[in-house]
Structure formats: C-alpha cells, structure tokens
C-alpha cells in the first residue's frame, strides 16, 4: 500500500529530474544557429573530443575540486571538533564559524576578487607581496581555492558536527578509563565512527565543486586559462552562442558528476553493509 501512495511522488520527481537531462542530450545532437537547427548526430561530441579548451576545463575543474575539497575537509573537521566541545561562548563560536556559509556565493566572490585585486591590493599588502592574483593563472587558481575554502569549510564542519554528536560519550569515557589519550581516542573512536558523515560531506562537496561557476567566472570571466566546465559551458551559451555544443558540454559535465556521485553512493552502501555486519557480531 505504501508503494502505491509513493508512486505518484516518485513519478513526478523522476520526470522533473530526467526531462532536462533527456532534453539536453537531444539538443546536443543539433547544430543550432539562431533559429536554424540542423541534425548532426554525434558531431558536437566529435568536436568536444578534439577541443583543447574542453580538456583544459576538465583539468581546471579537477584541480580545483581535489585541492579545495581536501582543505575544506581538514579545516571543516577542525571546526567540527571545536564546535563539539562544551565551553563558554560555544553558541557565539558556532555562529562565527558558520557566517561565511550563509553569505551568497556571488557576493563572496566579488569581495574576494576585490581583496585580491591590485587596487587596493589588500592581500598583497597583508602578505607583503606583489603577486598578480587575477591575471596569473596559477595564482588565480590559488585565489579561487582560498575563497571557496573560506566559504564552504563551515558547511563541511556542520555535516561533520552532526556525525560527531551521534557518537556516544560512553565510548570516550571507557577509553579514558583505559588510559587512552586524546590522539588515541581520535584515531580509534572518532574517525572510524565518523566515517559515514565524512563520506556524505565529501559527496556533497565534491559534486558541488565539480559544478563550480561563481568564483571562476567572477575572478577570470571566460578566460580559458581558468575556465571550469561550468564556465566553459556558459561561454557557449551566451558569449559565443552554440547551443548544440553547449548542450554537449552540459551532458559531458553531467556524466562526470554522475560517475563521481555513483562512486560515493557505492562507498556509502559498503559502509552501511559493514556497519550492519559489525552490529550483528
């Protein structure tokens, strides 16, 4: 009976989720110029596979994703451990840590771009350097990663904090009685029991980072040197309109994100199965 009642909801969700994907795949089979459409089959995908800009966008996307998610996890875990402690001013500390997450990304991107610019040169003045943050591709990537880590590490911290609060205090008390120090308790209790929350946090952040648009676009516009997959797709939607090719890029991005998502979901499934076996033992 429950399945009967849930069927309409699942059907509606499937239509909403699948229609844009199917439509994008269909449109990617056409060469679209103004109001003229010409069916080209896999012509756009052949162009994509020989497009150096596409491979550059993949490289930029994966460099950004790998480095930013790694830093966000480490910093987010540190924040979560701090927020999980009982101390005076705990509420204020949590609020301060979470402030960057509630700031709109477009606003944060503009603020960070201003700070990295030569005028007034806030970051260079703070570091005592003369780095061309906005025009040098390598340093621009460093700037984008820095801004994204500042913005998103609190979100990772929030997810990990939820996981920390599910760990029974009795485990830590028993470990203290056995003489285990803080570092030993972290490696033997906290980290293993936090693994499901870690996987969820990495899933959310990795999938989101692969689709990153705001920071790259605000920092460098459509510049190939810093374009991510989302920025590169946007370029062929508006700056150099080739709607068929833009849909091919969107489809390729979707496939990449889907593969990564499936990997993490399978990882979560293995973790769940392992936890159930552990409980039975």
C-alpha atoms as a PDB file:
ATOM      1  CA  UNK A   1       0.000   0.000   0.000  1.00  0.00           C
ATOM      2  CA  UNK A   2       2.837   2.370   0.840  1.00  0.00           C
ATOM      3  CA  UNK A   3       4.310   1.854  -2.640  1.00  0.00           C
ATOM      4  CA  UNK A   4       1.002   2.819  -4.233  1.00  0.00           C
ATOM      5  CA  UNK A   5       0.891   6.120  -2.347  1.00  0.00           C
ATOM      6  CA  UNK A   6       4.551   6.870  -3.085  1.00  0.00           C
ATOM      7  CA  UNK A   7       4.356   6.089  -6.808  1.00  0.00           C
ATOM      8  CA  UNK A   8       2.909   9.496  -7.884  1.00  0.00           C
ATOM      9  CA  UNK A   9       5.613  11.364  -5.938  1.00  0.00           C
ATOM     10  CA  UNK A  10       8.428   9.240  -7.346  1.00  0.00           C
ATOM     11  CA  UNK A  11       6.987   9.561 -10.866  1.00  0.00           C
ATOM     12  CA  UNK A  12       6.815  13.349 -10.544  1.00  0.00           C
ATOM     13  CA  UNK A  13      10.382  13.531  -9.211  1.00  0.00           C
ATOM     14  CA  UNK A  14      11.643  11.263 -11.995  1.00  0.00           C
ATOM     15  CA  UNK A  15      10.019  13.433 -14.675  1.00  0.00           C
ATOM     16  CA  UNK A  16      11.387  16.647 -13.139  1.00  0.00           C
ATOM     17  CA  UNK A  17      14.894  15.177 -12.829  1.00  0.00           C
ATOM     18  CA  UNK A  18      15.094  13.269 -16.116  1.00  0.00           C
ATOM     19  CA  UNK A  19      13.404  15.668 -18.544  1.00  0.00           C
ATOM     20  CA  UNK A  20      16.191  18.325 -18.520  1.00  0.00           C
ATOM     21  CA  UNK A  21      18.823  15.602 -18.994  1.00  0.00           C
ATOM     22  CA  UNK A  22      16.981  13.948 -21.895  1.00  0.00           C
ATOM     23  CA  UNK A  23      16.278  17.337 -23.483  1.00  0.00           C
ATOM     24  CA  UNK A  24      19.948  18.379 -23.198  1.00  0.00           C
ATOM     25  CA  UNK A  25      21.091  15.109 -24.801  1.00  0.00           C
ATOM     26  CA  UNK A  26      18.577  15.567 -27.624  1.00  0.00           C
ATOM     27  CA  UNK A  27      19.598  19.196 -28.266  1.00  0.00           C
ATOM     28  CA  UNK A  28      23.267  18.184 -28.266  1.00  0.00           C
ATOM     29  CA  UNK A  29      22.545  16.267 -31.480  1.00  0.00           C
ATOM     30  CA  UNK A  30      21.846  19.517 -33.339  1.00  0.00           C
ATOM     31  CA  UNK A  31      23.883  22.383 -34.739  1.00  0.00           C
ATOM     32  CA  UNK A  32      21.852  25.403 -33.624  1.00  0.00           C
ATOM     33  CA  UNK A  33      22.462  28.811 -35.204  1.00  0.00           C
ATOM     34  CA  UNK A  34      19.866  31.438 -34.348  1.00  0.00           C
ATOM     35  CA  UNK A  35      16.509  29.897 -35.282  1.00  0.00           C
ATOM     36  CA  UNK A  36      18.089  27.317 -37.572  1.00  0.00           C
ATOM     37  CA  UNK A  37      18.594  23.754 -36.372  1.00  0.00           C
ATOM     38  CA  UNK A  38      20.498  21.079 -38.270  1.00  0.00           C
ATOM     39  CA  UNK A  39      20.719  17.499 -37.035  1.00  0.00           C
ATOM     40  CA  UNK A  40      24.377  16.460 -36.791  1.00  0.00           C
ATOM     41  CA  UNK A  41      24.143  13.292 -34.695  1.00  0.00           C
ATOM     42  CA  UNK A  42      27.311  12.971 -32.646  1.00  0.00           C
ATOM     43  CA  UNK A  43      29.030  15.832 -34.462  1.00  0.00           C
ATOM     44  CA  UNK A  44      29.125  18.026 -31.365  1.00  0.00           C
ATOM     45  CA  UNK A  45      30.676  15.199 -29.363  1.00  0.00           C
ATOM     46  CA  UNK A  46      33.355  14.710 -32.028  1.00  0.00           C
ATOM     47  CA  UNK A  47      34.111  18.427 -31.765  1.00  0.00           C
ATOM     48  CA  UNK A  48      34.201  18.120 -27.972  1.00  0.00           C
ATOM     49  CA  UNK A  49      36.730  15.267 -28.036  1.00  0.00           C
ATOM     50  CA  UNK A  50      39.087  17.338 -30.200  1.00  0.00           C
ATOM     51  CA  UNK A  51      38.568  20.592 -28.268  1.00  0.00           C
ATOM     52  CA  UNK A  52      41.635  21.588 -26.248  1.00  0.00           C
ATOM     53  CA  UNK A  53      39.552  24.080 -24.276  1.00  0.00           C
ATOM     54  CA  UNK A  54      37.333  21.243 -23.030  1.00  0.00           C
ATOM     55  CA  UNK A  55      40.296  19.248 -21.710  1.00  0.00           C
ATOM     56  CA  UNK A  56      41.703  22.385 -20.124  1.00  0.00           C
ATOM     57  CA  UNK A  57      38.347  22.961 -18.398  1.00  0.00           C
ATOM     58  CA  UNK A  58      38.396  19.369 -17.101  1.00  0.00           C
ATOM     59  CA  UNK A  59      41.905  19.875 -15.742  1.00  0.00           C
ATOM     60  CA  UNK A  60      40.953  23.158 -14.048  1.00  0.00           C
ATOM     61  CA  UNK A  61      37.804  21.591 -12.607  1.00  0.00           C
ATOM     62  CA  UNK A  62      39.595  18.585 -11.132  1.00  0.00           C
ATOM     63  CA  UNK A  63      42.498  20.629  -9.768  1.00  0.00           C
ATOM     64  CA  UNK A  64      40.033  22.971  -8.083  1.00  0.00           C
ATOM     65  CA  UNK A  65      37.865  20.119  -6.792  1.00  0.00           C
ATOM     66  CA  UNK A  66      40.714  17.982  -5.437  1.00  0.00           C
ATOM     67  CA  UNK A  67      42.579  20.762  -3.643  1.00  0.00           C
ATOM     68  CA  UNK A  68      39.566  22.698  -2.351  1.00  0.00           C
ATOM     69  CA  UNK A  69      37.700  19.630  -1.044  1.00  0.00           C
ATOM     70  CA  UNK A  70      40.861  18.366   0.691  1.00  0.00           C
ATOM     71  CA  UNK A  71      41.385  21.670   2.509  1.00  0.00           C
ATOM     72  CA  UNK A  72      37.665  22.020   3.275  1.00  0.00           C
ATOM     73  CA  UNK A  73      37.614  18.563   4.836  1.00  0.00           C
ATOM     74  CA  UNK A  74      40.655  19.170   7.053  1.00  0.00           C
ATOM     75  CA  UNK A  75      39.540  22.652   8.154  1.00  0.00           C
ATOM     76  CA  UNK A  76      35.904  21.548   8.451  1.00  0.00           C
ATOM     77  CA  UNK A  77      36.924  18.643  10.694  1.00  0.00           C
ATOM     78  CA  UNK A  78      38.909  21.008  12.914  1.00  0.00           C
ATOM     79  CA  UNK A  79      35.932  23.369  13.165  1.00  0.00           C
ATOM     80  CA  UNK A  80      33.574  20.462  13.905  1.00  0.00           C
ATOM     81  CA  UNK A  81      35.798  19.197  16.720  1.00  0.00           C
ATOM     82  CA  UNK A  82      35.899  22.707  18.202  1.00  0.00           C
ATOM     83  CA  UNK A  83      32.124  23.190  17.936  1.00  0.00           C
ATOM     84  CA  UNK A  84      31.524  19.782  19.511  1.00  0.00           C
ATOM     85  CA  UNK A  85      33.255  20.834  22.745  1.00  0.00           C
ATOM     86  CA  UNK A  86      31.359  22.284  25.703  1.00  0.00           C
ATOM     87  CA  UNK A  87      32.799  25.667  26.687  1.00  0.00           C
ATOM     88  CA  UNK A  88      31.673  29.189  27.498  1.00  0.00           C
ATOM     89  CA  UNK A  89      30.740  31.070  24.336  1.00  0.00           C
ATOM     90  CA  UNK A  90      30.064  27.887  22.386  1.00  0.00           C
ATOM     91  CA  UNK A  91      26.998  29.374  20.665  1.00  0.00           C
ATOM     92  CA  UNK A  92      28.825  32.530  19.559  1.00  0.00           C
ATOM     93  CA  UNK A  93      31.775  30.473  18.302  1.00  0.00           C
ATOM     94  CA  UNK A  94      29.472  28.287  16.204  1.00  0.00           C
ATOM     95  CA  UNK A  95      27.750  31.352  14.759  1.00  0.00           C
ATOM     96  CA  UNK A  96      31.077  32.985  13.819  1.00  0.00           C
ATOM     97  CA  UNK A  97      32.342  29.801  12.156  1.00  0.00           C
ATOM     98  CA  UNK A  98      29.145  29.432  10.107  1.00  0.00           C
ATOM     99  CA  UNK A  99      28.943  33.080   8.943  1.00  0.00           C
ATOM    100  CA  UNK A 100      30.853  32.536   5.645  1.00  0.00           C
ATOM    101  CA  UNK A 101      28.462  29.756   4.630  1.00  0.00           C
ATOM    102  CA  UNK A 102      25.365  31.989   4.806  1.00  0.00           C
ATOM    103  CA  UNK A 103      26.899  34.727   2.628  1.00  0.00           C
ATOM    104  CA  UNK A 104      25.693  34.407  -1.009  1.00  0.00           C
ATOM    105  CA  UNK A 105      28.433  32.947  -3.201  1.00  0.00           C
ATOM    106  CA  UNK A 106      28.224  35.741  -5.786  1.00  0.00           C
ATOM    107  CA  UNK A 107      28.725  38.336  -3.044  1.00  0.00           C
ATOM    108  CA  UNK A 108      31.626  36.401  -1.503  1.00  0.00           C
ATOM    109  CA  UNK A 109      33.256  36.058  -4.937  1.00  0.00           C
ATOM    110  CA  UNK A 110      33.088  39.814  -5.555  1.00  0.00           C
ATOM    111  CA  UNK A 111      34.524  40.584  -2.107  1.00  0.00           C
ATOM    112  CA  UNK A 112      37.418  38.165  -2.563  1.00  0.00           C
ATOM    113  CA  UNK A 113      38.121  39.454  -6.072  1.00  0.00           C
ATOM    114  CA  UNK A 114      38.329  42.977  -4.656  1.00  0.00           C
ATOM    115  CA  UNK A 115      40.715  41.792  -1.933  1.00  0.00           C
ATOM    116  CA  UNK A 116      42.950  40.030  -4.471  1.00  0.00           C
ATOM    117  CA  UNK A 117      42.960  42.946  -6.943  1.00  0.00           C
ATOM    118  CA  UNK A 118      45.936  45.300  -7.309  1.00  0.00           C
ATOM    119  CA  UNK A 119      43.819  48.200  -6.114  1.00  0.00           C
ATOM    120  CA  UNK A 120      43.679  48.366  -3.118  1.00  0.00           C
ATOM    121  CA  UNK A 121      45.839  45.209  -3.002  1.00  0.00           C
ATOM    122  CA  UNK A 122      44.605  44.070   0.414  1.00  0.00           C
ATOM    123  CA  UNK A 123      46.010  40.515   0.193  1.00  0.00           C
ATOM    124  CA  UNK A 124      49.336  41.648  -1.262  1.00  0.00           C
ATOM    125  CA  UNK A 125      49.582  44.300   1.438  1.00  0.00           C
ATOM    126  CA  UNK A 126      48.829  41.730   4.133  1.00  0.00           C
ATOM    127  CA  UNK A 127      51.398  39.252   2.808  1.00  0.00           C
ATOM    128  CA  UNK A 128      53.955  41.847   1.738  1.00  0.00           C
ATOM    129  CA  UNK A 129      53.970  40.500  -1.842  1.00  0.00           C
ATOM    130  CA  UNK A 130      53.310  41.850  -5.347  1.00  0.00           C
ATOM    131  CA  UNK A 131      51.544  38.818  -6.849  1.00  0.00           C
ATOM    132  CA  UNK A 132      49.289  39.366  -9.855  1.00  0.00           C
ATOM    133  CA  UNK A 133      46.445  37.309  -8.401  1.00  0.00           C
ATOM    134  CA  UNK A 134      43.837  37.994 -11.085  1.00  0.00           C
ATOM    135  CA  UNK A 135      45.922  37.666 -14.257  1.00  0.00           C
ATOM    136  CA  UNK A 136      48.355  34.866 -13.454  1.00  0.00           C
ATOM    137  CA  UNK A 137      46.505  31.526 -13.994  1.00  0.00           C
ATOM    138  CA  UNK A 138      48.346  29.682 -11.218  1.00  0.00           C
ATOM    139  CA  UNK A 139      47.842  32.377  -8.604  1.00  0.00           C
ATOM    140  CA  UNK A 140      44.251  32.942  -9.745  1.00  0.00           C
ATOM    141  CA  UNK A 141      43.562  29.263  -9.057  1.00  0.00           C
ATOM    142  CA  UNK A 142      45.128  29.669  -5.605  1.00  0.00           C
ATOM    143  CA  UNK A 143      42.874  32.676  -5.009  1.00  0.00           C
ATOM    144  CA  UNK A 144      39.734  30.846  -6.129  1.00  0.00           C
ATOM    145  CA  UNK A 145      40.545  27.835  -3.954  1.00  0.00           C
ATOM    146  CA  UNK A 146      41.228  30.103  -0.965  1.00  0.00           C
ATOM    147  CA  UNK A 147      37.905  31.891  -1.419  1.00  0.00           C
ATOM    148  CA  UNK A 148      35.971  28.643  -1.844  1.00  0.00           C
ATOM    149  CA  UNK A 149      37.585  27.022   1.204  1.00  0.00           C
ATOM    150  CA  UNK A 150      36.714  30.092   3.296  1.00  0.00           C
ATOM    151  CA  UNK A 151      33.127  29.947   2.026  1.00  0.00           C
ATOM    152  CA  UNK A 152      32.449  26.217   2.220  1.00  0.00           C
ATOM    153  CA  UNK A 153      34.564  24.737   5.033  1.00  0.00           C
ATOM    154  CA  UNK A 154      31.821  25.751   7.546  1.00  0.00           C
ATOM    155  CA  UNK A 155      29.298  23.641   5.598  1.00  0.00           C
ATOM    156  CA  UNK A 156      31.583  20.609   5.862  1.00  0.00           C
ATOM    157  CA  UNK A 157      32.011  21.395   9.564  1.00  0.00           C
ATOM    158  CA  UNK A 158      28.232  21.398  10.031  1.00  0.00           C
ATOM    159  CA  UNK A 159      27.862  17.970   8.405  1.00  0.00           C
ATOM    160  CA  UNK A 160      30.726  16.512  10.431  1.00  0.00           C
ATOM    161  CA  UNK A 161      29.382  18.078  13.640  1.00  0.00           C
ATOM    162  CA  UNK A 162      26.105  16.220  13.087  1.00  0.00           C
ATOM    163  CA  UNK A 163      28.110  13.000  12.841  1.00  0.00           C
ATOM    164  CA  UNK A 164      30.157  13.777  15.953  1.00  0.00           C
ATOM    165  CA  UNK A 165      27.025  14.305  18.008  1.00  0.00           C
ATOM    166  CA  UNK A 166      25.815  10.771  17.230  1.00  0.00           C
ATOM    167  CA  UNK A 167      28.901   9.184  18.837  1.00  0.00           C
ATOM    168  CA  UNK A 168      28.012   8.008  22.381  1.00  0.00           C
ATOM    169  CA  UNK A 169      30.010   9.748  25.111  1.00  0.00           C
ATOM    170  CA  UNK A 170      30.352   6.405  26.889  1.00  0.00           C
ATOM    171  CA  UNK A 171      32.926   5.291  24.313  1.00  0.00           C
ATOM    172  CA  UNK A 172      35.214   8.193  25.194  1.00  0.00           C
ATOM    173  CA  UNK A 173      34.714   7.685  28.930  1.00  0.00           C
ATOM    174  CA  UNK A 174      35.611   3.996  28.651  1.00  0.00           C
ATOM    175  CA  UNK A 175      38.701   4.858  26.591  1.00  0.00           C
ATOM    176  CA  UNK A 176      39.813   7.413  29.195  1.00  0.00           C
ATOM    177  CA  UNK A 177      39.458   4.786  31.921  1.00  0.00           C
ATOM    178  CA  UNK A 178      41.707   2.505  29.844  1.00  0.00           C
ATOM    179  CA  UNK A 179      44.286   5.288  29.681  1.00  0.00           C
ATOM    180  CA  UNK A 180      43.813   6.320  26.043  1.00  0.00           C
ATOM    181  CA  UNK A 181      44.971   9.859  25.288  1.00  0.00           C
ATOM    182  CA  UNK A 182      43.174  12.430  23.129  1.00  0.00           C
ATOM    183  CA  UNK A 183      45.074  11.468  19.973  1.00  0.00           C
ATOM    184  CA  UNK A 184      44.396   7.758  20.516  1.00  0.00           C
ATOM    185  CA  UNK A 185      40.687   8.431  21.130  1.00  0.00           C
ATOM    186  CA  UNK A 186      40.515  10.457  17.915  1.00  0.00           C
ATOM    187  CA  UNK A 187      42.058   7.713  15.748  1.00  0.00           C
ATOM    188  CA  UNK A 188      40.339   4.753  17.437  1.00  0.00           C
ATOM    189  CA  UNK A 189      36.876   6.177  18.155  1.00  0.00           C
ATOM    190  CA  UNK A 190      36.132   9.492  16.457  1.00  0.00           C
ATOM    191  CA  UNK A 191      37.481   8.858  12.964  1.00  0.00           C
ATOM    192  CA  UNK A 192      36.060   5.325  12.450  1.00  0.00           C
ATOM    193  CA  UNK A 193      32.595   6.241  13.776  1.00  0.00           C
ATOM    194  CA  UNK A 194      32.597   9.500  11.821  1.00  0.00           C
ATOM    195  CA  UNK A 195      33.224   7.743   8.507  1.00  0.00           C
ATOM    196  CA  UNK A 196      29.570   7.814   7.292  1.00  0.00           C
ATOM    197  CA  UNK A 197      29.373  11.567   7.907  1.00  0.00           C
ATOM    198  CA  UNK A 198      32.758  12.040   6.202  1.00  0.00           C
ATOM    199  CA  UNK A 199      31.552  10.202   3.090  1.00  0.00           C
ATOM    200  CA  UNK A 200      28.363  12.302   2.969  1.00  0.00           C
ATOM    201  CA  UNK A 201      30.340  15.537   3.389  1.00  0.00           C
ATOM    202  CA  UNK A 202      32.815  14.549   0.667  1.00  0.00           C
ATOM    203  CA  UNK A 203      29.966  13.531  -1.645  1.00  0.00           C
ATOM    204  CA  UNK A 204      28.135  16.853  -1.275  1.00  0.00           C
ATOM    205  CA  UNK A 205      31.268  18.957  -1.598  1.00  0.00           C
ATOM    206  CA  UNK A 206      32.842  17.017  -4.473  1.00  0.00           C
ATOM    207  CA  UNK A 207      29.688  17.066  -6.586  1.00  0.00           C
ATOM    208  CA  UNK A 208      29.175  20.759  -5.837  1.00  0.00           C
ATOM    209  CA  UNK A 209      32.826  21.631  -6.564  1.00  0.00           C
ATOM    210  CA  UNK A 210      32.696  19.849  -9.929  1.00  0.00           C
ATOM    211  CA  UNK A 211      29.892  22.245 -10.904  1.00  0.00           C
ATOM    212  CA  UNK A 212      31.623  25.369  -9.553  1.00  0.00           C
ATOM    213  CA  UNK A 213      30.892  28.509 -11.570  1.00  0.00           C
ATOM    214  CA  UNK A 214      30.722  31.655  -9.429  1.00  0.00           C
ATOM    215  CA  UNK A 215      34.298  32.094  -8.216  1.00  0.00           C
ATOM    216  CA  UNK A 216      35.947  31.154 -11.541  1.00  0.00           C
ATOM    217  CA  UNK A 217      33.658  33.449 -13.542  1.00  0.00           C
ATOM    218  CA  UNK A 218      33.969  36.427 -11.188  1.00  0.00           C
ATOM    219  CA  UNK A 219      37.768  36.085 -10.991  1.00  0.00           C
ATOM    220  CA  UNK A 220      38.541  35.446 -14.680  1.00  0.00           C
ATOM    221  CA  UNK A 221      35.386  35.624 -16.802  1.00  0.00           C
ATOM    222  CA  UNK A 222      35.518  33.273 -19.795  1.00  0.00           C
ATOM    223  CA  UNK A 223      39.324  33.059 -19.820  1.00  0.00           C
ATOM    224  CA  UNK A 224      40.388  29.584 -20.973  1.00  0.00           C
ATOM    225  CA  UNK A 225      43.290  29.580 -18.533  1.00  0.00           C
ATOM    226  CA  UNK A 226      40.921  29.379 -15.559  1.00  0.00           C
ATOM    227  CA  UNK A 227      37.629  28.164 -17.055  1.00  0.00           C
ATOM    228  CA  UNK A 228      35.930  25.282 -15.269  1.00  0.00           C
ATOM    229  CA  UNK A 229      33.444  23.005 -17.029  1.00  0.00           C
ATOM    230  CA  UNK A 230      30.525  25.192 -15.930  1.00  0.00           C
ATOM    231  CA  UNK A 231      32.216  28.406 -17.098  1.00  0.00           C
ATOM    232  CA  UNK A 232      33.226  26.819 -20.406  1.00  0.00           C
ATOM    233  CA  UNK A 233      29.642  25.654 -20.986  1.00  0.00           C
ATOM    234  CA  UNK A 234      28.289  29.105 -20.108  1.00  0.00           C
ATOM    235  CA  UNK A 235      30.642  30.606 -22.700  1.00  0.00           C
ATOM    236  CA  UNK A 236      28.931  28.662 -25.494  1.00  0.00           C
ATOM    237  CA  UNK A 237      25.501  29.554 -24.159  1.00  0.00           C
ATOM    238  CA  UNK A 238      25.955  33.335 -24.093  1.00  0.00           C
ATOM    239  CA  UNK A 239      29.371  34.712 -25.108  1.00  0.00           C
ATOM    240  CA  UNK A 240      29.759  32.585 -28.257  1.00  0.00           C
ATOM    241  CA  UNK A 241      26.288  31.049 -28.702  1.00  0.00           C
ATOM    242  CA  UNK A 242      26.491  27.482 -29.977  1.00  0.00           C
ATOM    243  CA  UNK A 243      23.559  25.905 -28.177  1.00  0.00           C
ATOM    244  CA  UNK A 244      24.073  22.412 -29.551  1.00  0.00           C
ATOM    245  CA  UNK A 245      27.702  22.369 -28.451  1.00  0.00           C
ATOM    246  CA  UNK A 246      26.777  23.900 -25.084  1.00  0.00           C
ATOM    247  CA  UNK A 247      24.328  21.043 -24.519  1.00  0.00           C
ATOM    248  CA  UNK A 248      27.048  18.527 -25.424  1.00  0.00           C
ATOM    249  CA  UNK A 249      29.283  20.157 -22.801  1.00  0.00           C
ATOM    250  CA  UNK A 250      26.428  20.043 -20.277  1.00  0.00           C
ATOM    251  CA  UNK A 251      25.890  16.351 -20.991  1.00  0.00           C
ATOM    252  CA  UNK A 252      29.607  15.617 -20.563  1.00  0.00           C
ATOM    253  CA  UNK A 253      29.626  17.515 -17.261  1.00  0.00           C
ATOM    254  CA  UNK A 254      26.559  15.586 -16.099  1.00  0.00           C
ATOM    255  CA  UNK A 255      28.232  12.257 -16.918  1.00  0.00           C
ATOM    256  CA  UNK A 256      31.374  13.209 -14.976  1.00  0.00           C
ATOM    257  CA  UNK A 257      29.363  14.350 -11.945  1.00  0.00           C
ATOM    258  CA  UNK A 258      27.171  11.229 -12.129  1.00  0.00           C
ATOM    259  CA  UNK A 259      30.203   8.897 -12.161  1.00  0.00           C
ATOM    260  CA  UNK A 260      31.681  10.632  -9.116  1.00  0.00           C
ATOM    261  CA  UNK A 261      28.295  10.583  -7.362  1.00  0.00           C
ATOM    262  CA  UNK A 262      27.840   6.851  -8.023  1.00  0.00           C
ATOM    263  CA  UNK A 263      31.317   6.180  -6.619  1.00  0.00           C
ATOM    264  CA  UNK A 264      30.465   7.911  -3.327  1.00  0.00           C
ATOM    265  CA  UNK A 265      26.997   6.331  -3.133  1.00  0.00           C
ATOM    266  CA  UNK A 266      28.538   2.868  -3.542  1.00  0.00           C
ATOM    267  CA  UNK A 267      31.051   3.794  -0.864  1.00  0.00           C
ATOM    268  CA  UNK A 268      28.165   4.757   1.433  1.00  0.00           C
ATOM    269  CA  UNK A 269      26.448   1.450   0.666  1.00  0.00           C
ATOM    270  CA  UNK A 270      29.573  -0.516   1.563  1.00  0.00           C
ATOM    271  CA  UNK A 271      29.876   1.468   4.790  1.00  0.00           C
ATOM    272  CA  UNK A 272      26.244   0.694   5.684  1.00  0.00           C
ATOM    273  CA  UNK A 273      26.701  -3.028   4.986  1.00  0.00           C
ATOM    274  CA  UNK A 274      29.897  -3.057   7.037  1.00  0.00           C
ATOM    275  CA  UNK A 275      28.166  -1.318   9.942  1.00  0.00           C
ATOM    276  CA  UNK A 276      25.301  -3.821   9.899  1.00  0.00           C
ATOM    277  CA  UNK A 277      27.728  -6.765   9.930  1.00  0.00           C
ATOM    278  CA  UNK A 278      29.587  -5.166  12.816  1.00  0.00           C
ATOM    279  CA  UNK A 279      26.369  -4.814  14.813  1.00  0.00           C
ATOM    280  CA  UNK A 280      25.454  -8.472  14.226  1.00  0.00           C
ATOM    281  CA  UNK A 281      28.832  -9.584  15.530  1.00  0.00           C
END
